[in-house]
PDB file of N, CA and C in Angstrom:
ATOM      1  N   MET A   1      88.150  45.110  36.716  1.00  0.00           N
ATOM      2  CA  MET A   1      88.860  45.181  37.670  1.00  0.00           C
ATOM      3  C   MET A   1      88.341  46.879  37.951  1.00  0.00           C
ATOM      4  N   ASP A   2      87.490  47.000  38.526  1.00  0.00           N
ATOM      5  CA  ASP A   2      87.370  48.177  38.474  1.00  0.00           C
ATOM      6  C   ASP A   2      87.042  48.382  40.265  1.00  0.00           C
ATOM      7  N   LEU A   3      88.334  49.351  40.237  1.00  0.00           N
ATOM      8  CA  LEU A   3      88.690  50.116  41.243  1.00  0.00           C
ATOM      9  C   LEU A   3      88.678  51.441  41.639  1.00  0.00           C
ATOM     10  N   TRP A   4      87.413  51.872  42.510  1.00  0.00           N
ATOM     11  CA  TRP A   4      87.243  52.921  43.128  1.00  0.00           C
ATOM     12  C   TRP A   4      86.015  53.533  41.938  1.00  0.00           C
ATOM     13  N   ALA A   5      85.668  52.387  40.964  1.00  0.00           N
ATOM     14  CA  ALA A   5      84.341  52.521  40.193  1.00  0.00           C
ATOM     15  C   ALA A   5      85.470  53.618  38.956  1.00  0.00           C
ATOM     16  N   ILE A   6      86.658  53.118  38.762  1.00  0.00           N
ATOM     17  CA  ILE A   6      87.018  53.700  37.569  1.00  0.00           C
ATOM     18  C   ILE A   6      87.381  51.995  36.453  1.00  0.00           C
ATOM     19  N   PRO A   7      87.084  52.360  35.531  1.00  0.00           N
ATOM     20  CA  PRO A   7      86.959  50.937  34.549  1.00  0.00           C
ATOM     21  C   PRO A   7      88.636  50.433  34.711  1.00  0.00           C
ATOM     22  N   GLY A   8      88.690  49.129  34.267  1.00  0.00           N
ATOM     23  CA  GLY A   8      90.038  48.118  34.213  1.00  0.00           C
ATOM     24  C   GLY A   8      91.097  48.934  33.255  1.00  0.00           C
ATOM     25  N   TRP A   9      90.590  49.360  32.063  1.00  0.00           N
ATOM     26  CA  TRP A   9      91.360  49.871  30.777  1.00  0.00           C
ATOM     27  C   TRP A   9      91.824  51.652  31.299  1.00  0.00           C
ATOM     28  N   PHE A  10      91.570  52.206  32.180  1.00  0.00           N
ATOM     29  CA  PHE A  10      91.672  53.477  32.671  1.00  0.00           C
ATOM     30  C   PHE A  10      93.076  53.362  33.342  1.00  0.00           C
ATOM     31  N   TRP A  11      93.132  51.938  34.184  1.00  0.00           N
ATOM     32  CA  TRP A  11      94.316  51.587  35.367  1.00  0.00           C
ATOM     33  C   TRP A  11      95.417  51.376  34.362  1.00  0.00           C
ATOM     34  N   MET A  12      94.870  50.872  32.761  1.00  0.00           N
ATOM     35  CA  MET A  12      95.821  50.222  32.015  1.00  0.00           C
ATOM     36  C   MET A  12      96.530  51.479  31.624  1.00  0.00           C
ATOM     37  N   PHE A  13      95.748  52.070  31.217  1.00  0.00           N
ATOM     38  CA  PHE A  13      96.635  53.689  30.385  1.00  0.00           C
ATOM     39  C   PHE A  13      97.289  54.595  31.431  1.00  0.00           C
ATOM     40  N   VAL A  14      97.011  54.365  32.786  1.00  0.00           N
ATOM     41  CA  VAL A  14      97.491  55.292  34.095  1.00  0.00           C
ATOM     42  C   VAL A  14      99.007  54.472  34.344  1.00  0.00           C
ATOM     43  N   ILE A  15      98.998  53.116  34.927  1.00  0.00           N
ATOM     44  CA  ILE A  15     100.118  51.895  35.053  1.00  0.00           C
ATOM     45  C   ILE A  15     101.222  52.322  33.395  1.00  0.00           C
ATOM     46  N   GLU A  16     100.574  51.906  32.621  1.00  0.00           N
ATOM     47  CA  GLU A  16     101.687  52.492  31.111  1.00  0.00           C
ATOM     48  C   GLU A  16     102.527  54.160  30.702  1.00  0.00           C
ATOM     49  N   GLY A  17     101.400  54.798  31.105  1.00  0.00           N
ATOM     50  CA  GLY A  17     101.989  55.873  31.176  1.00  0.00           C
ATOM     51  C   GLY A  17     102.843  56.135  32.270  1.00  0.00           C
ATOM     52  N   LEU A  18     102.842  56.102  33.687  1.00  0.00           N
ATOM     53  CA  LEU A  18     103.766  55.986  34.741  1.00  0.00           C
ATOM     54  C   LEU A  18     104.670  55.225  34.151  1.00  0.00           C
ATOM     55  N   LEU A  19     104.748  54.231  33.582  1.00  0.00           N
ATOM     56  CA  LEU A  19     106.017  53.479  33.555  1.00  0.00           C
ATOM     57  C   LEU A  19     107.230  54.197  32.280  1.00  0.00           C
ATOM     58  N   ALA A  20     106.439  54.980  31.610  1.00  0.00           N
ATOM     59  CA  ALA A  20     107.015  55.621  30.080  1.00  0.00           C
ATOM     60  C   ALA A  20     107.507  56.672  31.059  1.00  0.00           C
ATOM     61  N   VAL A  21     107.025  57.583  31.538  1.00  0.00           N
ATOM     62  CA  VAL A  21     107.126  58.682  32.376  1.00  0.00           C
ATOM     63  C   VAL A  21     108.695  58.550  33.141  1.00  0.00           C
ATOM     64  N   ALA A  22     108.377  57.160  33.987  1.00  0.00           N
ATOM     65  CA  ALA A  22     109.657  56.839  34.956  1.00  0.00           C
ATOM     66  C   ALA A  22     110.492  56.002  33.762  1.00  0.00           C
ATOM     67  N   ALA A  23     110.608  55.362  32.811  1.00  0.00           N
ATOM     68  CA  ALA A  23     111.777  55.581  31.934  1.00  0.00           C
ATOM     69  C   ALA A  23     111.986  56.223  31.091  1.00  0.00           C
ATOM     70  N   GLY A  24     111.405  57.526  31.007  1.00  0.00           N
ATOM     71  CA  GLY A  24     112.427  59.186  30.252  1.00  0.00           C
ATOM     72  C   GLY A  24     112.688  59.316  31.026  1.00  0.00           C
ATOM     73  N   ALA A  25     112.424  59.537  32.554  1.00  0.00           N
ATOM     74  CA  ALA A  25     112.788  60.110  33.394  1.00  0.00           C
ATOM     75  C   ALA A  25     114.492  59.718  33.918  1.00  0.00           C
ATOM     76  N   PHE A  26     114.424  58.439  33.875  1.00  0.00           N
ATOM     77  CA  PHE A  26     115.793  57.456  33.902  1.00  0.00           C
ATOM     78  C   PHE A  26     116.603  57.543  33.216  1.00  0.00           C
ATOM     79  N   THR A  27     116.162  57.693  31.582  1.00  0.00           N
ATOM     80  CA  THR A  27     117.226  57.868  30.289  1.00  0.00           C
ATOM     81  C   THR A  27     117.315  59.019  30.107  1.00  0.00           C
ATOM     82  N   PHE A  28     116.768  59.995  30.598  1.00  0.00           N
ATOM     83  CA  PHE A  28     117.397  61.579  30.180  1.00  0.00           C
ATOM     84  C   PHE A  28     118.612  61.772  31.894  1.00  0.00           C
ATOM     85  N   PHE A  29     118.096  61.279  32.794  1.00  0.00           N
ATOM     86  CA  PHE A  29     119.666  61.012  33.564  1.00  0.00           C
ATOM     87  C   PHE A  29     120.921  60.402  33.199  1.00  0.00           C
ATOM     88  N   TRP A  30     120.580  59.273  32.724  1.00  0.00           N
ATOM     89  CA  TRP A  30     121.696  57.873  32.946  1.00  0.00           C
ATOM     90  C   TRP A  30     122.358  58.451  31.462  1.00  0.00           C
ATOM     91  N   LEU A  31     121.429  59.175  30.342  1.00  0.00           N
ATOM     92  CA  LEU A  31     122.871  59.248  28.761  1.00  0.00           C
ATOM     93  C   LEU A  31     123.558  60.494  29.115  1.00  0.00           C
ATOM     94  N   ASP A  32     124.635  60.261  28.309  1.00  0.00           N
ATOM     95  CA  ASP A  32     125.662  61.311  28.469  1.00  0.00           C
ATOM     96  C   ASP A  32     125.026  62.287  27.306  1.00  0.00           C
ATOM     97  N   ASP A  33     125.647  63.875  27.159  1.00  0.00           N
ATOM     98  CA  ASP A  33     125.368  64.666  26.768  1.00  0.00           C
ATOM     99  C   ASP A  33     126.225  65.090  25.527  1.00  0.00           C
ATOM    100  N   SER A  34     127.224  64.685  25.878  1.00  0.00           N
ATOM    101  CA  SER A  34     128.300  64.754  25.048  1.00  0.00           C
ATOM    102  C   SER A  34     129.577  63.633  25.033  1.00  0.00           C
ATOM    103  N   PRO A  35     130.321  62.926  23.827  1.00  0.00           N
ATOM    104  CA  PRO A  35     131.404  62.189  23.846  1.00  0.00           C
ATOM    105  C   PRO A  35     132.344  62.174  24.699  1.00  0.00           C
ATOM    106  N   GLN A  36     132.615  63.291  25.248  1.00  0.00           N
ATOM    107  CA  GLN A  36     133.520  63.152  26.770  1.00  0.00           C
ATOM    108  C   GLN A  36     133.248  63.217  27.484  1.00  0.00           C
ATOM    109  N   HIS A  37     131.641  63.160  27.833  1.00  0.00           N
ATOM    110  CA  HIS A  37     131.295  62.115  28.911  1.00  0.00           C
ATOM    111  C   HIS A  37     131.004  60.657  28.860  1.00  0.00           C
ATOM    112  N   ALA A  38     130.984  60.091  27.697  1.00  0.00           N
ATOM    113  CA  ALA A  38     130.799  58.859  27.714  1.00  0.00           C
ATOM    114  C   ALA A  38     131.767  58.086  28.387  1.00  0.00           C
ATOM    115  N   ARG A  39     130.221  56.981  29.376  1.00  0.00           N
ATOM    116  CA  ARG A  39     131.711  56.147  29.970  1.00  0.00           C
ATOM    117  C   ARG A  39     131.488  54.910  29.543  1.00  0.00           C
ATOM    118  N   PHE A  40     130.927  54.119  27.788  1.00  0.00           N
ATOM    119  CA  PHE A  40     130.969  53.593  27.489  1.00  0.00           C
ATOM    120  C   PHE A  40     131.484  53.153  26.247  1.00  0.00           C
ATOM    121  N   LEU A  41     132.539  54.581  25.831  1.00  0.00           N
ATOM    122  CA  LEU A  41     133.377  54.530  25.012  1.00  0.00           C
ATOM    123  C   LEU A  41     134.834  54.938  25.185  1.00  0.00           C
ATOM    124  N   SER A  42     135.550  54.094  24.501  1.00  0.00           N
ATOM    125  CA  SER A  42     137.121  53.968  24.667  1.00  0.00           C
ATOM    126  C   SER A  42     137.597  55.394  24.301  1.00  0.00           C
ATOM    127  N   ALA A  43     138.725  55.821  24.808  1.00  0.00           N
ATOM    128  CA  ALA A  43     139.611  57.190  24.600  1.00  0.00           C
ATOM    129  C   ALA A  43     139.666  57.208  22.985  1.00  0.00           C
ATOM    130  N   ALA A  44     140.303  56.217  22.190  1.00  0.00           N
ATOM    131  CA  ALA A  44     140.326  56.421  21.035  1.00  0.00           C
ATOM    132  C   ALA A  44     138.587  56.409  20.348  1.00  0.00           C
ATOM    133  N   GLU A  45     137.962  55.765  20.585  1.00  0.00           N
ATOM    134  CA  GLU A  45     136.681  56.061  20.082  1.00  0.00           C
ATOM    135  C   GLU A  45     135.680  57.442  20.443  1.00  0.00           C
ATOM    136  N   LYS A  46     136.201  58.364  21.518  1.00  0.00           N
ATOM    137  CA  LYS A  46     135.538  59.134  21.702  1.00  0.00           C
ATOM    138  C   LYS A  46     136.396  60.381  21.070  1.00  0.00           C
ATOM    139  N   GLN A  47     137.695  59.965  20.689  1.00  0.00           N
ATOM    140  CA  GLN A  47     138.915  61.249  20.024  1.00  0.00           C
ATOM    141  C   GLN A  47     138.249  60.892  18.825  1.00  0.00           C
ATOM    142  N   ALA A  48     137.923  59.713  18.187  1.00  0.00           N
ATOM    143  CA  ALA A  48     137.153  59.515  16.800  1.00  0.00           C
ATOM    144  C   ALA A  48     135.443  60.578  16.645  1.00  0.00           C
ATOM    145  N   LEU A  49     135.097  60.251  17.565  1.00  0.00           N
ATOM    146  CA  LEU A  49     133.784  60.655  17.436  1.00  0.00           C
ATOM    147  C   LEU A  49     134.039  62.574  16.938  1.00  0.00           C
ATOM    148  N   ILE A  50     134.330  62.558  18.210  1.00  0.00           N
ATOM    149  CA  ILE A  50     134.764  64.285  18.878  1.00  0.00           C
ATOM    150  C   ILE A  50     135.056  65.220  17.620  1.00  0.00           C
ATOM    151  N   SER A  51     136.342  64.109  16.280  1.00  0.00           N
ATOM    152  CA  SER A  51     136.670  64.831  14.870  1.00  0.00           C
ATOM    153  C   SER A  51     135.665  64.744  14.577  1.00  0.00           C
ATOM    154  N   GLU A  52     134.972  63.642  14.170  1.00  0.00           N
ATOM    155  CA  GLU A  52     134.080  63.569  13.215  1.00  0.00           C
ATOM    156  C   GLU A  52     132.631  64.650  13.374  1.00  0.00           C
ATOM    157  N   LEU A  53     132.439  65.002  14.702  1.00  0.00           N
ATOM    158  CA  LEU A  53     131.295  66.156  15.076  1.00  0.00           C
ATOM    159  C   LEU A  53     131.635  67.341  14.545  1.00  0.00           C
ATOM    160  N   ALA A  54     133.093  67.517  14.977  1.00  0.00           N
ATOM    161  CA  ALA A  54     133.492  69.022  14.126  1.00  0.00           C
ATOM    162  C   ALA A  54     133.430  68.604  13.052  1.00  0.00           C
ATOM    163  N   ARG A  55     134.139  67.589  11.905  1.00  0.00           N
ATOM    164  CA  ARG A  55     133.948  67.911  10.951  1.00  0.00           C
ATOM    165  C   ARG A  55     132.276  68.030  10.071  1.00  0.00           C
ATOM    166  N   GLU A  56     131.566  67.584  10.787  1.00  0.00           N
ATOM    167  CA  GLU A  56     129.826  67.545  10.380  1.00  0.00           C
ATOM    168  C   GLU A  56     129.660  68.845  10.453  1.00  0.00           C
ATOM    169  N   GLU A  57     130.304  69.521  11.570  1.00  0.00           N
ATOM    170  CA  GLU A  57     129.654  70.892  12.206  1.00  0.00           C
ATOM    171  C   GLU A  57     130.204  71.755  11.061  1.00  0.00           C
ATOM    172  N   GLU A  58     131.431  71.634  10.565  1.00  0.00           N
ATOM    173  CA  GLU A  58     132.006  72.787   9.222  1.00  0.00           C
ATOM    174  C   GLU A  58     131.335  72.675   8.118  1.00  0.00           C
ATOM    175  N   LYS A  59     130.813  71.201   7.642  1.00  0.00           N
ATOM    176  CA  LYS A  59     129.752  71.709   6.620  1.00  0.00           C
ATOM    177  C   LYS A  59     128.037  71.709   7.218  1.00  0.00           C
ATOM    178  N   LYS A  60     127.906  72.451   7.967  1.00  0.00           N
ATOM    179  CA  LYS A  60     126.385  72.647   8.355  1.00  0.00           C
ATOM    180  C   LYS A  60     126.414  74.390   7.751  1.00  0.00           C
ATOM    181  N   ILE A  61     125.541  74.652   7.046  1.00  0.00           N
ATOM    182  CA  ILE A  61     124.953  75.275   6.571  1.00  0.00           C
ATOM    183  C   ILE A  61     124.739  76.846   7.206  1.00  0.00           C
ATOM    184  N   ALA A  62     125.347  77.810   7.691  1.00  0.00           N
ATOM    185  CA  ALA A  62     125.307  78.659   8.484  1.00  0.00           C
ATOM    186  C   ALA A  62     123.925  79.514   9.101  1.00  0.00           C
ATOM    187  N   SER A  63     123.692  79.921   7.904  1.00  0.00           N
ATOM    188  CA  SER A  63     122.219  80.809   7.897  1.00  0.00           C
ATOM    189  C   SER A  63     121.145  80.144   7.705  1.00  0.00           C
ATOM    190  N   ALA A  64     119.781  80.398   7.987  1.00  0.00           N
ATOM    191  CA  ALA A  64     118.396  79.471   7.873  1.00  0.00           C
ATOM    192  C   ALA A  64     118.245  80.190   6.218  1.00  0.00           C
ATOM    193  N   LEU A  65     118.350  81.464   6.029  1.00  0.00           N
ATOM    194  CA  LEU A  65     118.013  81.919   4.510  1.00  0.00           C
ATOM    195  C   LEU A  65     119.044  81.082   3.869  1.00  0.00           C
ATOM    196  N   VAL A  66     119.862  80.681   3.771  1.00  0.00           N
ATOM    197  CA  VAL A  66     121.036  80.013   2.418  1.00  0.00           C
ATOM    198  C   VAL A  66     119.953  78.633   2.822  1.00  0.00           C
ATOM    199  N   ARG A  67     119.723  78.198   3.385  1.00  0.00           N
ATOM    200  CA  ARG A  67     119.367  76.580   4.236  1.00  0.00           C
ATOM    201  C   ARG A  67     118.186  76.425   3.507  1.00  0.00           C
ATOM    202  N   CYS A  68     117.155  77.199   3.442  1.00  0.00           N
ATOM    203  CA  CYS A  68     116.268  77.371   2.434  1.00  0.00           C
ATOM    204  C   CYS A  68     115.870  77.443   1.205  1.00  0.00           C
ATOM    205  N   ALA A  69     117.407  78.294   0.932  1.00  0.00           N
ATOM    206  CA  ALA A  69     117.741  78.384  -0.595  1.00  0.00           C
ATOM    207  C   ALA A  69     118.175  77.297  -1.885  1.00  0.00           C
ATOM    208  N   ALA A  70     119.032  76.407  -0.443  1.00  0.00           N
ATOM    209  CA  ALA A  70     119.358  75.530  -1.105  1.00  0.00           C
ATOM    210  C   ALA A  70     118.821  73.742  -1.290  1.00  0.00           C
TER     211      ALA A  70
END
């Protein structure tokens, strides 16, 4: 399949690349950016996830210098 004198393998790269870009754009706009906005979680699941993320945030090492020493 040489269309416009371009080999078939090149068309496969272009088609698969366009599909990957389209899937990435769809996923970027479809996924929620925080548990508060997640449509697929119940209220109890949202609250549990928010509290777990807050607990993990407290455990983070604040400074990059301290992180290097650890």
